[in-house]
Amino acid sequence: MLDVAPDSSQLVLMEAHYQLDSQLWLQPLPAGSPRRMEVMAHDAAWLPDGKFVFAKGADVFLAEHDGSNAHKLLTAPGPPSGIRFSPDGSRIRFTVGAFTVPGVSSLWEARAGGTNLHPLLLPDWNNPPQECCGNWTSDGRYFVFQSTRNGLSSLWALADQHPFWRRVTRDPLQLTTGPLNFGSPVPSRDGKKLFVQSWQPHAEMVRYDAKSGAFLPFVAGTGANQLDFSRDGKWVAYVTYTDGTLWRSKSDGSARLQLTYPPLLATVPHWSPDGTRIAFSGSKPGEPIRIYVIPGDGGRPEQLTSGENELDPSWSKDGNALMFGVFPATGDPEFAKIMLLDLKTRALTQVGGSQGICCPRWSPDGRYVVALSGADNQKLMLLDLSTQQWRQLAGKMGTFGYMTWSPDSRYIGFDTGFSADSGFFRVRVADGQIERVVSLKNIRRFFPQWGAWSAMAPDGSPLVVRDISNQEVYALDLQWQ
């Protein structure tokens, strides 16, 4: 749900997909059938006068209340969201995310007609910027927003009593200081309260036990959010959801060793075939995601690439090459591709036929590569390296999640977390036969930055991360001085 109409007669909804822009729908209130809009966007809102504003790609459009007769107001330096007009209708403010740098976002302002676009806050106020989700108070005196520092999200207010042509010089006022995270502030219409979201992330990795039919804790107490087994099954590498650091331990949880430290954030680790190295994607504040490798016994992470949005490193059978996915600066998934890095020569080449395909996983026997259609993540694609031919292995199941090969390279495990009947499945490579292993409808999935994770343990049992966070809505009393 993106917004409620000013007269409370309808909602604007967006389909949930792993892509930037999706289909919008209008849902009548208090009841009725949703109606498909002729708009593809990733954010939308109504203005007090009933006009409709939406964001598509990096552009912001203004339209009639039903999305018709749209015309472009401006082009932002990144995908805009949280679009809000000032109560007097003279200005527009919104959040701008970075196509290639995860977790970085900033607040921008322009005139209502789209001119004089500029950052709202000084460049060094929070470096790198992590501000979002702003809203004006009903009287237009303050602009309340969310800012994240050192992993904690707090609420701030910026006095807004000056004319547009005069830049606000007063520093923002901090409204909350923890220990909970606070965000998404919505001032009440009478200006006396501030409705906010509050959360404290907690998660646990669980393994499906077929005998008991239950999900049981796995590597308990580690804070693991993503995990990968060594080929012999004796070691695991995992990333913690608390601070994005990479660890390794034995499969029973002993011999734990922290491998990376903040501010480097790690994701999707994978052991080398000989169990001596771990490849992963990593990002530093204000920088794009790159491919790294680190010894399993500890050491200095080595950065292997210097591009933009490089994800999902996967090892060749001999450990001499890495295959990984790339999302370009445009943010358009149609331009995703898969690259091959020779670790001996450092030669980098694009995998043939991989345009518009992402997220590769090399089979343990070295014969196949499984990947996802980059446009919508709704097709499971398989590359046979002996013929260099791609084919669709599975589709029409909704949006695919993470993928895992079985140790014998015969099966691929995956989940369909965004479908109405979500579950964990495995597909047989030989003939494409799909088997549902377990339903995930009753599991509250944990959704960090890179989405809900899942995998297969070496014995084929599904692994998922269950969300046990505290998430609440608060009404804070406001007293402005």
Protein backbone atom coordinates (compact mmCIF):
# COMPACT_ATOMS: atom_id res chain seq x y z
CA MET A 1 0.00 0.00 0.00
CA LEU A 2 1.47 3.34 -1.08
CA ASP A 3 -1.10 5.97 -0.08
CA VAL A 4 -4.67 6.77 0.98
CA ALA A 5 -6.75 9.23 -1.06
CA PRO A 6 -7.41 12.60 0.67
CA ASP A 7 -11.14 11.79 0.94
CA SER A 8 -10.36 8.24 2.19
CA SER A 9 -12.29 6.73 -0.73
CA GLN A 10 -9.50 4.50 -2.08
CA LEU A 11 -5.98 3.18 -1.73
CA VAL A 12 -3.21 2.97 -4.30
CA LEU A 13 -1.46 -0.41 -4.26
CA MET A 14 1.67 -1.72 -5.95
CA GLU A 15 2.38 -5.29 -6.98
CA ALA A 16 5.35 -6.77 -5.09
CA HIS A 17 8.17 -7.88 -7.40
CA TYR A 18 11.98 -7.86 -7.40
CA GLN A 19 12.07 -4.98 -9.86
CA LEU A 20 12.08 -1.21 -9.71
CA ASP A 21 8.72 -0.38 -11.32
CA SER A 22 5.58 -2.48 -10.93
CA GLN A 23 1.89 -2.35 -11.74
CA LEU A 24 -0.32 0.05 -9.69
CA TRP A 25 -3.90 -0.68 -8.64
CA LEU A 26 -6.74 1.33 -7.08
CA GLN A 27 -8.58 -0.30 -4.19
CA PRO A 28 -11.98 1.24 -3.28
CA LEU A 29 -12.82 1.80 0.39
CA PRO A 30 -14.41 0.42 2.48
CA ALA A 31 -14.77 -2.50 0.02
CA GLY A 32 -14.80 -3.39 -3.64
CA SER A 33 -12.73 -4.93 -6.39
CA PRO A 34 -9.30 -3.43 -7.19
CA ARG A 35 -8.94 -1.67 -10.53
CA ARG A 36 -5.76 -1.82 -12.59
CA MET A 37 -4.20 1.57 -13.34
CA GLU A 38 -2.45 2.38 -16.60
CA VAL A 39 0.66 3.21 -14.59
CA MET A 40 3.89 1.35 -13.88
CA ALA A 41 5.77 2.93 -10.97
CA HIS A 42 7.55 2.26 -7.68
CA ASP A 43 5.99 5.05 -5.60
CA ALA A 44 2.80 7.11 -5.74
CA ALA A 45 0.72 9.54 -3.66
CA TRP A 46 -2.25 11.89 -3.91
CA LEU A 47 -1.97 15.62 -3.33
CA PRO A 48 -4.45 17.51 -1.11
CA ASP A 49 -6.22 18.79 -4.26
CA GLY A 50 -6.73 15.23 -5.54
CA LYS A 51 -3.94 15.24 -8.16
CA PHE A 52 -1.80 12.09 -8.42
CA VAL A 53 1.99 12.00 -8.36
CA PHE A 54 4.13 8.93 -9.09
CA ALA A 55 7.76 7.90 -9.59
CA LYS A 56 8.96 5.75 -12.47
CA GLY A 57 12.65 5.05 -12.91
CA ALA A 58 14.34 8.29 -11.92
CA ASP A 59 11.42 10.50 -13.06
CA VAL A 60 8.56 12.09 -11.11
CA PHE A 61 5.22 12.59 -12.88
CA LEU A 62 2.09 14.58 -12.05
CA ALA A 63 -1.30 13.27 -13.26
CA GLU A 64 -5.04 13.36 -12.67
CA HIS A 65 -6.43 11.52 -9.66
CA ASP A 66 -6.61 8.23 -11.60
CA GLY A 67 -3.13 8.49 -13.13
CA SER A 68 -4.28 9.80 -16.52
CA ASN A 69 -2.83 12.78 -18.44
CA ALA A 70 0.56 12.40 -16.78
CA HIS A 71 3.40 14.81 -17.47
CA LYS A 72 6.95 14.74 -16.14
CA LEU A 73 7.90 17.18 -13.39
CA LEU A 74 11.58 16.33 -12.95
CA THR A 75 14.34 13.75 -13.23
CA ALA A 76 16.06 12.89 -9.94
CA PRO A 77 19.67 11.70 -9.52
CA GLY A 78 18.33 8.28 -8.46
CA PRO A 79 15.02 6.44 -7.95
CA PRO A 80 12.73 8.82 -5.98
CA SER A 81 10.28 7.66 -3.31
CA GLY A 82 8.24 9.11 -0.46
CA ILE A 83 7.05 12.01 -2.64
CA ARG A 84 5.41 14.79 -0.60
CA PHE A 85 4.15 18.28 -1.50
CA SER A 86 4.28 21.09 1.06
CA PRO A 87 0.90 22.07 2.57
CA ASP A 88 0.94 25.34 0.60
CA GLY A 89 1.65 23.42 -2.63
CA SER A 90 4.80 25.37 -3.46
CA ARG A 91 7.44 22.64 -3.00
CA ILE A 92 8.03 18.95 -3.47
CA ARG A 93 10.32 16.77 -1.37
CA PHE A 94 11.27 13.12 -1.74
CA THR A 95 13.85 10.48 -0.95
CA VAL A 96 16.48 9.61 -3.56
CA GLY A 97 18.06 6.17 -3.38
CA ALA A 98 21.32 5.16 -5.02
CA PHE A 99 21.18 2.67 -7.90
CA THR A 100 24.58 1.19 -7.10
CA VAL A 101 25.23 1.91 -3.40
CA PRO A 102 23.11 -0.08 -0.90
CA GLY A 103 21.69 1.68 2.14
CA VAL A 104 22.45 5.19 0.87
CA SER A 105 19.57 7.63 0.44
CA SER A 106 19.10 11.37 0.74
CA LEU A 107 16.30 13.97 0.87
CA TRP A 108 15.79 16.34 -2.07
CA GLU A 109 13.63 19.38 -2.73
CA ALA A 110 12.34 21.23 -5.78
CA ARG A 111 9.67 23.77 -6.69
CA ALA A 112 6.24 22.32 -7.35
CA GLY A 113 6.84 22.68 -11.09
CA GLY A 114 10.04 20.61 -10.91
CA THR A 115 12.63 23.42 -11.08
CA ASN A 116 15.46 24.26 -8.67
CA LEU A 117 16.16 20.66 -7.68
CA HIS A 118 18.69 20.41 -4.82
CA PRO A 119 19.57 18.33 -1.70
CA LEU A 120 17.58 19.30 1.38
CA LEU A 121 20.39 18.79 3.89
CA LEU A 122 24.04 19.79 3.82
CA PRO A 123 26.30 17.13 2.22
CA ASP A 124 28.31 16.54 5.40
CA TRP A 125 25.34 16.36 7.79
CA ASN A 126 25.43 12.53 7.71
CA ASN A 127 28.12 10.87 5.61
CA PRO A 128 27.16 8.73 3.80
CA PRO A 129 23.56 10.01 3.82
CA GLN A 130 20.90 7.59 5.11
CA GLU A 131 17.81 9.81 5.28
CA CYS A 132 14.32 8.98 4.04
CA CYS A 133 10.59 8.98 4.56
CA GLY A 134 9.88 12.63 5.28
CA ASN A 135 6.52 14.29 5.97
CA TRP A 136 5.44 17.85 6.65
CA THR A 137 3.35 18.73 9.68
CA SER A 138 -0.12 19.95 8.68
CA ASP A 139 0.77 23.60 9.40
CA GLY A 140 3.95 23.36 7.27
CA ARG A 141 6.19 24.51 10.14
CA TYR A 142 8.27 21.32 10.37
CA PHE A 143 9.47 18.52 8.12
CA VAL A 144 9.89 15.25 10.04
CA PHE A 145 12.12 12.49 8.60
CA GLN A 146 14.04 9.31 9.38
CA SER A 147 17.83 9.17 9.61
CA THR A 148 20.08 6.15 10.26
CA ARG A 149 23.42 6.46 12.01
CA ASN A 150 25.57 3.60 13.29
CA GLY A 151 22.81 1.14 12.45
CA LEU A 152 20.10 2.91 14.50
CA SER A 153 17.17 4.71 12.85
CA SER A 154 15.92 7.86 14.60
CA LEU A 155 13.46 10.65 13.89
CA TRP A 156 14.49 14.24 13.20
CA ALA A 157 12.61 17.47 12.51
CA LEU A 158 13.71 20.36 10.31
CA ALA A 159 12.17 23.79 10.95
CA ASP A 160 10.50 25.05 7.78
CA GLN A 161 9.47 28.62 8.52
CA HIS A 162 11.54 30.30 5.82
CA PRO A 163 10.62 31.28 2.24
CA PHE A 164 11.71 28.86 -0.48
CA TRP A 165 14.46 31.12 -1.76
CA ARG A 166 16.19 31.23 1.63
CA ARG A 167 18.03 28.03 2.52
CA VAL A 168 17.21 26.72 6.00
CA THR A 169 20.27 27.21 8.20
CA ARG A 170 19.02 25.69 11.45
CA ASP A 171 20.23 22.17 12.16
CA PRO A 172 17.64 19.40 12.33
CA LEU A 173 16.34 18.55 15.79
CA GLN A 174 16.61 14.93 16.95
CA LEU A 175 13.29 13.60 18.27
CA THR A 176 14.18 10.02 19.28
CA THR A 177 17.39 8.47 20.59
CA GLY A 178 16.70 4.72 20.83
CA PRO A 179 17.10 2.05 22.04
CA LEU A 180 14.40 1.13 19.50
CA ASN A 181 14.56 2.01 15.82
CA PHE A 182 11.96 4.60 14.78
CA GLY A 183 10.94 5.48 11.24
CA SER A 184 8.25 6.33 8.67
CA PRO A 185 6.83 9.31 10.61
CA VAL A 186 3.29 10.50 9.81
CA PRO A 187 2.12 13.66 11.65
CA SER A 188 -1.52 13.69 12.73
CA ARG A 189 -3.82 16.18 11.01
CA ASP A 190 -4.24 18.23 14.19
CA GLY A 191 -0.44 18.43 14.63
CA LYS A 192 -0.50 17.02 18.16
CA LYS A 193 0.80 13.51 17.50
CA LEU A 194 3.36 11.73 15.38
CA PHE A 195 2.53 8.18 14.27
CA VAL A 196 5.69 6.13 13.74
CA GLN A 197 6.93 2.61 13.15
CA SER A 198 9.21 1.07 15.77
CA TRP A 199 11.25 -2.09 15.45
CA GLN A 200 14.07 -4.08 17.00
CA PRO A 201 15.39 -6.73 14.58
CA HIS A 202 15.59 -10.31 15.85
CA ALA A 203 15.83 -13.44 13.72
CA GLU A 204 16.73 -17.11 13.96
CA MET A 205 17.81 -19.58 11.32
CA VAL A 206 15.65 -22.72 11.29
CA ARG A 207 15.89 -26.08 9.50
CA TYR A 208 12.89 -28.09 8.38
CA ASP A 209 12.86 -31.51 10.04
CA ALA A 210 10.82 -33.89 7.87
CA LYS A 211 10.34 -36.45 10.67
CA SER A 212 8.70 -34.02 13.08
CA GLY A 213 7.26 -31.77 10.39
CA ALA A 214 8.59 -28.74 12.28
CA PHE A 215 11.16 -25.98 11.76
CA LEU A 216 13.88 -26.34 14.39
CA PRO A 217 16.63 -23.84 15.36
CA PHE A 218 19.87 -24.19 13.40
CA VAL A 219 23.26 -22.66 14.38
CA ALA A 220 21.39 -21.06 17.28
CA GLY A 221 22.78 -17.96 18.94
CA THR A 222 24.96 -16.90 16.00
CA GLY A 223 22.67 -14.29 14.44
CA ALA A 224 23.19 -16.00 11.07
CA ASN A 225 21.13 -14.60 8.21
CA GLN A 226 22.90 -16.17 5.20
CA LEU A 227 24.91 -19.37 5.28
CA ASP A 228 27.03 -21.56 3.00
CA PHE A 229 28.49 -25.02 3.63
CA SER A 230 31.94 -26.13 2.56
CA ARG A 231 31.91 -28.98 0.03
CA ASP A 232 32.76 -31.56 2.73
CA GLY A 233 29.97 -30.22 4.96
CA LYS A 234 32.33 -29.67 7.90
CA TRP A 235 32.38 -25.86 7.84
CA VAL A 236 29.86 -23.06 7.44
CA ALA A 237 30.34 -19.43 6.47
CA TYR A 238 27.59 -17.06 7.52
CA VAL A 239 26.65 -13.39 7.64
CA THR A 240 25.07 -11.91 10.76
CA TYR A 241 21.89 -9.84 10.42
CA THR A 242 22.96 -7.54 13.27
CA ASP A 243 25.97 -5.92 11.60
CA GLY A 244 26.55 -7.65 8.24
CA THR A 245 29.84 -9.26 9.30
CA LEU A 246 31.16 -12.53 7.87
CA TRP A 247 31.97 -15.45 10.20
CA ARG A 248 33.03 -19.05 9.81
CA SER A 249 32.62 -22.00 12.16
CA LYS A 250 32.34 -25.76 12.15
CA SER A 251 28.91 -27.14 11.32
CA ASP A 252 28.24 -27.80 15.01
CA GLY A 253 28.87 -24.12 15.82
CA SER A 254 32.33 -24.60 17.35
CA ALA A 255 35.58 -22.90 16.24
CA ARG A 256 33.80 -19.63 15.44
CA LEU A 257 35.94 -16.94 13.83
CA GLN A 258 34.94 -13.44 12.71
CA LEU A 259 36.39 -12.71 9.27
CA THR A 260 35.19 -9.18 8.42
CA TYR A 261 34.48 -6.08 10.44
CA PRO A 262 32.40 -2.91 10.01
CA PRO A 263 32.09 -0.74 8.05
CA LEU A 264 32.41 -3.50 5.39
CA LEU A 265 29.02 -5.21 4.95
CA ALA A 266 29.12 -8.76 3.57
CA THR A 267 26.45 -10.77 1.76
CA VAL A 268 26.03 -14.11 -0.13
CA PRO A 269 29.24 -15.90 0.97
CA HIS A 270 30.40 -19.04 -0.88
CA TRP A 271 33.21 -21.47 -0.01
CA SER A 272 35.81 -22.36 -2.61
CA PRO A 273 35.77 -26.04 -3.67
CA ASP A 274 38.91 -26.80 -1.63
CA GLY A 275 37.48 -25.12 1.48
CA THR A 276 40.33 -22.61 1.88
CA ARG A 277 38.67 -19.36 0.70
CA ILE A 278 35.32 -17.61 0.86
CA ALA A 279 34.03 -15.31 -1.87
CA PHE A 280 31.35 -12.76 -1.02
CA SER A 281 29.83 -9.48 -2.09
CA GLY A 282 30.76 -6.55 0.11
CA SER A 283 30.05 -2.85 0.36
CA LYS A 284 31.52 0.05 2.30
CA PRO A 285 29.60 3.22 3.22
CA GLY A 286 28.99 5.31 0.13
CA GLU A 287 30.55 2.77 -2.25
CA PRO A 288 29.05 0.24 -4.71
CA ILE A 289 28.91 -3.50 -4.03
CA ARG A 290 32.04 -5.36 -5.12
CA ILE A 291 33.33 -8.94 -5.11
CA TYR A 292 35.77 -9.95 -2.34
CA VAL A 293 37.62 -13.10 -1.32
CA ILE A 294 39.09 -13.93 2.10
CA PRO A 295 40.95 -16.96 3.53
CA GLY A 296 38.72 -19.26 5.57
CA ASP A 297 41.20 -19.08 8.45
CA GLY A 298 41.12 -15.28 8.51
CA GLY A 299 43.08 -12.50 6.90
CA ARG A 300 42.59 -9.34 4.94
CA PRO A 301 39.66 -9.31 2.46
CA GLU A 302 40.88 -8.88 -1.11
CA GLN A 303 38.72 -6.77 -3.42
CA LEU A 304 38.58 -8.47 -6.81
CA THR A 305 36.36 -6.11 -8.82
CA SER A 306 35.72 -2.38 -9.12
CA GLY A 307 32.41 -2.15 -10.97
CA GLU A 308 28.88 -1.44 -9.76
CA ASN A 309 26.35 -3.71 -8.07
CA GLU A 310 28.35 -6.93 -8.38
CA LEU A 311 26.58 -9.77 -6.61
CA ASP A 312 26.41 -13.53 -6.05
CA PRO A 313 30.00 -14.75 -6.62
CA SER A 314 30.03 -18.47 -7.49
CA TRP A 315 33.10 -20.72 -7.83
CA SER A 316 34.12 -22.89 -10.75
CA LYS A 317 34.75 -26.57 -10.00
CA ASP A 318 38.54 -26.09 -9.97
CA GLY A 319 38.37 -22.88 -7.94
CA ASN A 320 40.23 -20.88 -10.61
CA ALA A 321 37.30 -18.68 -11.66
CA LEU A 322 34.34 -16.80 -10.23
CA MET A 323 31.05 -16.06 -11.93
CA PHE A 324 28.92 -13.18 -10.63
CA GLY A 325 25.96 -11.00 -11.56
CA VAL A 326 26.01 -7.30 -12.39
CA PHE A 327 23.25 -4.70 -12.17
CA PRO A 328 24.12 -1.51 -14.06
CA ALA A 329 23.90 2.06 -12.78
CA THR A 330 20.62 2.59 -14.64
CA GLY A 331 18.87 0.20 -12.27
CA ASP A 332 17.10 -1.38 -15.26
CA PRO A 333 17.04 -5.17 -14.68
CA GLU A 334 16.86 -5.77 -18.45
CA PHE A 335 20.53 -4.74 -18.56
CA ALA A 336 21.65 -7.21 -15.92
CA LYS A 337 24.38 -9.62 -16.99
CA ILE A 338 26.70 -12.33 -15.72
CA MET A 339 30.46 -11.94 -15.73
CA LEU A 340 33.30 -14.48 -15.52
CA LEU A 341 36.52 -13.60 -13.66
CA ASP A 342 39.64 -15.68 -14.23
CA LEU A 343 41.41 -15.56 -10.85
CA LYS A 344 44.82 -16.33 -12.35
CA THR A 345 44.90 -13.78 -15.18
CA ARG A 346 42.20 -11.44 -13.72
CA ALA A 347 40.59 -11.39 -17.18
CA LEU A 348 36.93 -10.39 -17.05
CA THR A 349 34.45 -11.53 -19.73
CA GLN A 350 30.68 -11.56 -20.10
CA VAL A 351 29.01 -14.96 -20.14
CA GLY A 352 27.37 -15.54 -23.52
CA GLY A 353 23.60 -15.10 -23.63
CA SER A 354 23.45 -13.68 -20.10
CA GLN A 355 22.02 -10.24 -20.94
CA GLY A 356 18.99 -9.69 -18.70
CA ILE A 357 19.97 -12.62 -16.43
CA CYS A 358 21.33 -12.37 -12.90
CA CYS A 359 22.35 -14.18 -9.73
CA PRO A 360 24.42 -17.18 -11.01
CA ARG A 361 25.05 -20.39 -9.08
CA TRP A 362 27.68 -22.77 -10.55
CA SER A 363 26.88 -26.46 -10.03
CA PRO A 364 29.39 -28.43 -7.89
CA ASP A 365 30.21 -30.71 -10.85
CA GLY A 366 31.00 -27.65 -12.99
CA ARG A 367 28.61 -28.54 -15.80
CA TYR A 368 25.73 -26.10 -15.23
CA VAL A 369 24.94 -22.58 -14.09
CA VAL A 370 21.51 -21.72 -12.71
CA ALA A 371 20.38 -18.09 -12.68
CA LEU A 372 17.31 -15.85 -12.62
CA SER A 373 15.67 -13.74 -15.31
CA GLY A 374 16.79 -10.23 -14.34
CA ALA A 375 13.58 -8.47 -15.39
CA ASP A 376 11.23 -10.09 -12.91
CA ASN A 377 12.96 -13.02 -11.14
CA GLN A 378 10.08 -15.23 -12.33
CA LYS A 379 12.09 -17.60 -14.53
CA LEU A 380 14.71 -20.09 -13.44
CA MET A 381 17.32 -20.24 -16.22
CA LEU A 382 19.89 -23.00 -16.76
CA LEU A 383 23.13 -22.75 -18.75
CA ASP A 384 24.68 -26.01 -19.98
CA LEU A 385 28.37 -25.15 -20.24
CA SER A 386 29.04 -28.11 -22.53
CA THR A 387 26.74 -26.63 -25.21
CA GLN A 388 26.78 -22.95 -24.09
CA GLN A 389 22.98 -22.96 -24.37
CA TRP A 390 20.49 -21.40 -21.96
CA ARG A 391 17.07 -22.90 -21.30
CA GLN A 392 14.21 -22.16 -18.94
CA LEU A 393 14.13 -24.72 -16.15
CA ALA A 394 11.10 -23.43 -14.24
CA GLY A 395 8.58 -20.59 -14.41
CA LYS A 396 5.01 -19.48 -13.73
CA MET A 397 5.49 -19.96 -9.99
CA GLY A 398 5.73 -16.31 -8.94
CA THR A 399 8.96 -14.67 -7.86
CA PHE A 400 11.91 -16.97 -7.17
CA GLY A 401 14.10 -16.42 -4.14
CA TYR A 402 17.59 -17.67 -3.34
CA MET A 403 18.85 -20.85 -5.05
CA THR A 404 21.04 -23.74 -3.83
CA TRP A 405 22.56 -26.75 -5.60
CA SER A 406 22.43 -30.19 -4.02
CA PRO A 407 25.94 -31.63 -3.46
CA ASP A 408 25.43 -34.15 -6.30
CA SER A 409 24.36 -31.38 -8.77
CA ARG A 410 21.10 -33.21 -9.52
CA TYR A 411 18.71 -30.76 -7.84
CA ILE A 412 18.29 -27.05 -7.26
CA GLY A 413 16.44 -25.81 -4.19
CA PHE A 414 14.54 -22.51 -4.18
CA ASP A 415 11.63 -20.74 -2.51
CA THR A 416 8.68 -18.70 -3.78
CA GLY A 417 8.25 -16.31 -0.88
CA PHE A 418 6.16 -13.73 -2.74
CA SER A 419 3.56 -16.13 -4.14
CA ALA A 420 0.14 -16.66 -2.56
CA ASP A 421 1.04 -20.29 -1.82
CA SER A 422 4.70 -19.83 -0.89
CA GLY A 423 6.89 -22.84 -0.34
CA PHE A 424 10.34 -24.35 -0.62
CA PHE A 425 10.81 -26.47 -3.74
CA ARG A 426 13.44 -28.47 -5.52
CA VAL A 427 13.67 -29.01 -9.27
CA ARG A 428 15.42 -31.95 -10.94
CA VAL A 429 17.90 -30.75 -13.56
CA ALA A 430 17.53 -33.78 -15.83
CA ASP A 431 13.86 -33.31 -16.66
CA GLY A 432 12.69 -30.14 -14.86
CA GLN A 433 10.38 -32.03 -12.49
CA ILE A 434 9.44 -29.80 -9.54
CA GLU A 435 8.72 -31.09 -6.04
CA ARG A 436 7.32 -29.07 -3.13
CA VAL A 437 9.38 -29.89 -0.04
CA VAL A 438 7.46 -27.82 2.50
CA SER A 439 5.00 -24.94 2.65
CA LEU A 440 6.30 -21.59 3.94
CA LYS A 441 2.88 -19.98 4.38
CA ASN A 442 3.07 -20.14 8.19
CA ILE A 443 6.67 -18.95 8.50
CA ARG A 444 7.19 -15.26 9.22
CA ARG A 445 10.21 -14.61 7.00
CA PHE A 446 12.98 -12.19 7.93
CA PHE A 447 13.45 -9.50 5.26
CA PRO A 448 16.80 -7.69 5.53
CA GLN A 449 18.27 -5.57 2.74
CA TRP A 450 18.76 -8.44 0.27
CA GLY A 451 15.43 -10.14 0.88
CA ALA A 452 14.32 -13.34 2.62
CA TRP A 453 17.09 -15.96 2.46
CA SER A 454 16.70 -19.72 2.02
CA ALA A 455 18.95 -22.66 1.14
CA MET A 456 19.34 -26.43 1.29
CA ALA A 457 21.49 -28.12 3.91
CA PRO A 458 23.81 -30.87 2.61
CA ASP A 459 21.13 -33.46 3.47
CA GLY A 460 18.56 -31.60 1.36
CA SER A 461 16.55 -30.14 4.24
CA PRO A 462 15.37 -26.53 3.74
CA LEU A 463 16.90 -23.68 5.73
CA VAL A 464 15.09 -20.36 6.21
CA VAL A 465 15.38 -17.40 8.57
CA ARG A 466 12.40 -16.75 10.83
CA ASP A 467 11.54 -13.22 11.90
CA ILE A 468 11.06 -12.87 15.67
CA SER A 469 11.46 -9.10 15.71
CA ASN A 470 9.51 -6.62 17.79
CA GLN A 471 7.54 -4.41 15.40
CA GLU A 472 5.02 -1.88 16.71
CA VAL A 473 3.27 1.38 15.88
CA TYR A 474 3.55 4.27 18.31
CA ALA A 475 1.75 7.60 18.70
CA LEU A 476 4.22 10.18 20.06
CA ASP A 477 2.94 13.39 21.62
CA LEU A 478 4.32 16.51 19.94
CA GLN A 479 5.06 19.78 21.70
CA TRP A 480 6.85 22.25 19.42
CA GLN A 481 8.63 25.22 20.98
